[in-house]
Amino acid sequence: MCVNRRSGEACGVPHSGLVDERAPMTRLTLISRDACHLCERAEQVLDRIGEPWHRVDVDSSVELVRDYGDRVPVLLLDGREHGYWRIEEERLRRDLAKPPGSPPW
């Protein structure tokens, strides 16, 4: 299940066509699982950054498990993979300052 961490509303994930078009758009999606210490640390970094973000449980979809199951947490920025296992806070802040859809380099 995908949940907006600030509002508590359900949301979609920009991956493999699994997007709920009714969901508010955010630039950041964290793909994680319960009882994952790296996922908890990633959530703390995202909360510190202060941008709206969504959490998606990797175990909620066969496609997500196939694509991300052994690498959680995985951070998506504008629907593209930004990194996994650990969030590079400085890099993320720099990339968030760019307009949405900008090339990653």
Protein backbone atom coordinates (compact mmCIF):
# COMPACT_ATOMS: atom_id res chain seq x y z
CA MET A 1 0.00 0.00 0.00
CA CYS A 2 1.18 3.50 -0.82
CA VAL A 3 0.59 6.19 1.81
CA ASN A 4 1.26 9.93 1.75
CA ARG A 5 3.36 10.39 4.89
CA ARG A 6 2.02 13.87 5.55
CA SER A 7 -1.69 13.50 4.79
CA GLY A 8 -2.16 9.77 5.38
CA GLU A 9 -3.98 9.44 2.04
CA ALA A 10 -3.49 6.47 -0.27
CA CYS A 11 -1.51 7.18 -3.43
CA GLY A 12 -0.14 5.64 -6.61
CA VAL A 13 3.45 4.78 -7.46
CA PRO A 14 4.98 5.92 -10.76
CA HIS A 15 6.15 2.45 -11.73
CA SER A 16 5.09 -0.17 -14.24
CA GLY A 17 1.76 1.53 -14.85
CA LEU A 18 0.76 1.18 -11.19
CA VAL A 19 -0.29 4.81 -10.87
CA ASP A 20 -3.47 5.89 -9.15
CA GLU A 21 -4.41 8.99 -11.14
CA ARG A 22 -6.54 10.25 -8.25
CA ALA A 23 -3.46 10.46 -6.03
CA PRO A 24 -1.67 13.75 -5.42
CA MET A 25 1.57 13.97 -7.37
CA THR A 26 4.79 14.12 -5.42
CA ARG A 27 8.32 13.99 -6.70
CA LEU A 28 9.53 11.45 -4.14
CA THR A 29 8.45 7.85 -3.68
CA LEU A 30 10.11 5.52 -1.19
CA ILE A 31 9.71 1.83 -1.95
CA SER A 32 10.26 -0.02 1.32
CA ARG A 33 8.97 -2.76 3.58
CA ASP A 34 7.95 -3.09 7.20
CA ALA A 35 10.58 -4.02 9.79
CA CYS A 36 13.44 -2.76 7.60
CA HIS A 37 16.02 -0.71 9.51
CA LEU A 38 17.44 0.90 6.35
CA CYS A 39 13.90 1.86 5.33
CA GLU A 40 13.36 3.53 8.70
CA ARG A 41 16.58 5.52 8.25
CA ALA A 42 15.52 6.54 4.73
CA GLU A 43 12.18 7.78 6.11
CA GLN A 44 14.03 9.89 8.69
CA VAL A 45 16.15 11.49 5.94
CA LEU A 46 13.08 12.23 3.83
CA ASP A 47 11.26 13.74 6.82
CA ARG A 48 14.31 15.92 7.53
CA ILE A 49 14.40 17.17 3.91
CA GLY A 50 10.80 18.29 4.28
CA GLU A 51 9.52 17.57 0.77
CA PRO A 52 6.23 15.65 0.42
CA TRP A 53 6.82 11.96 -0.25
CA HIS A 54 4.97 8.68 -0.52
CA ARG A 55 5.79 5.26 0.85
CA VAL A 56 5.03 2.13 -1.15
CA ASP A 57 5.25 -1.32 0.41
CA VAL A 58 7.37 -3.40 -1.96
CA ASP A 59 5.49 -6.53 -0.87
CA SER A 60 2.17 -5.12 -2.12
CA SER A 61 2.89 -6.07 -5.73
CA VAL A 62 4.55 -8.96 -7.52
CA GLU A 63 6.07 -6.45 -9.97
CA LEU A 64 7.56 -4.36 -7.17
CA VAL A 65 9.03 -7.43 -5.46
CA ARG A 66 10.52 -8.56 -8.77
CA ASP A 67 12.04 -5.17 -9.55
CA TYR A 68 13.03 -3.88 -6.11
CA GLY A 69 12.62 -6.66 -3.52
CA ASP A 70 16.30 -7.23 -2.79
CA ARG A 71 17.30 -3.54 -2.85
CA VAL A 72 14.88 -1.77 -0.48
CA PRO A 73 14.67 0.98 0.33
CA VAL A 74 14.59 2.38 -3.19
CA LEU A 75 14.01 6.08 -3.75
CA LEU A 76 12.29 7.31 -6.91
CA LEU A 77 12.59 10.96 -7.91
CA ASP A 78 10.13 12.04 -10.58
CA GLY A 79 9.44 8.36 -11.27
CA ARG A 80 13.11 7.49 -11.89
CA GLU A 81 15.29 5.50 -9.56
CA HIS A 82 17.47 7.88 -7.59
CA GLY A 83 19.18 5.32 -5.38
CA TYR A 84 18.77 2.37 -3.09
CA TRP A 85 19.81 1.10 0.35
CA ARG A 86 20.89 4.56 1.53
CA ILE A 87 19.71 8.05 0.62
CA GLU A 88 22.51 10.42 -0.31
CA GLU A 89 21.03 13.50 1.33
CA GLU A 90 23.23 16.15 -0.31
CA ARG A 91 22.74 14.64 -3.78
CA LEU A 92 18.98 14.42 -3.23
CA ARG A 93 18.76 18.05 -2.10
CA ARG A 94 20.74 19.12 -5.17
CA ASP A 95 18.55 17.07 -7.51
CA LEU A 96 15.34 18.35 -5.90
CA ALA A 97 16.47 21.89 -6.72
CA LYS A 98 16.35 21.02 -10.43
CA PRO A 99 13.06 21.32 -12.32
CA PRO A 100 10.98 18.11 -12.47
CA GLY A 101 11.94 15.93 -15.42
CA SER A 102 15.47 17.34 -15.73
CA PRO A 103 18.19 14.92 -16.80
CA PRO A 104 19.81 13.22 -13.81
CA TRP A 105 23.29 14.53 -14.66
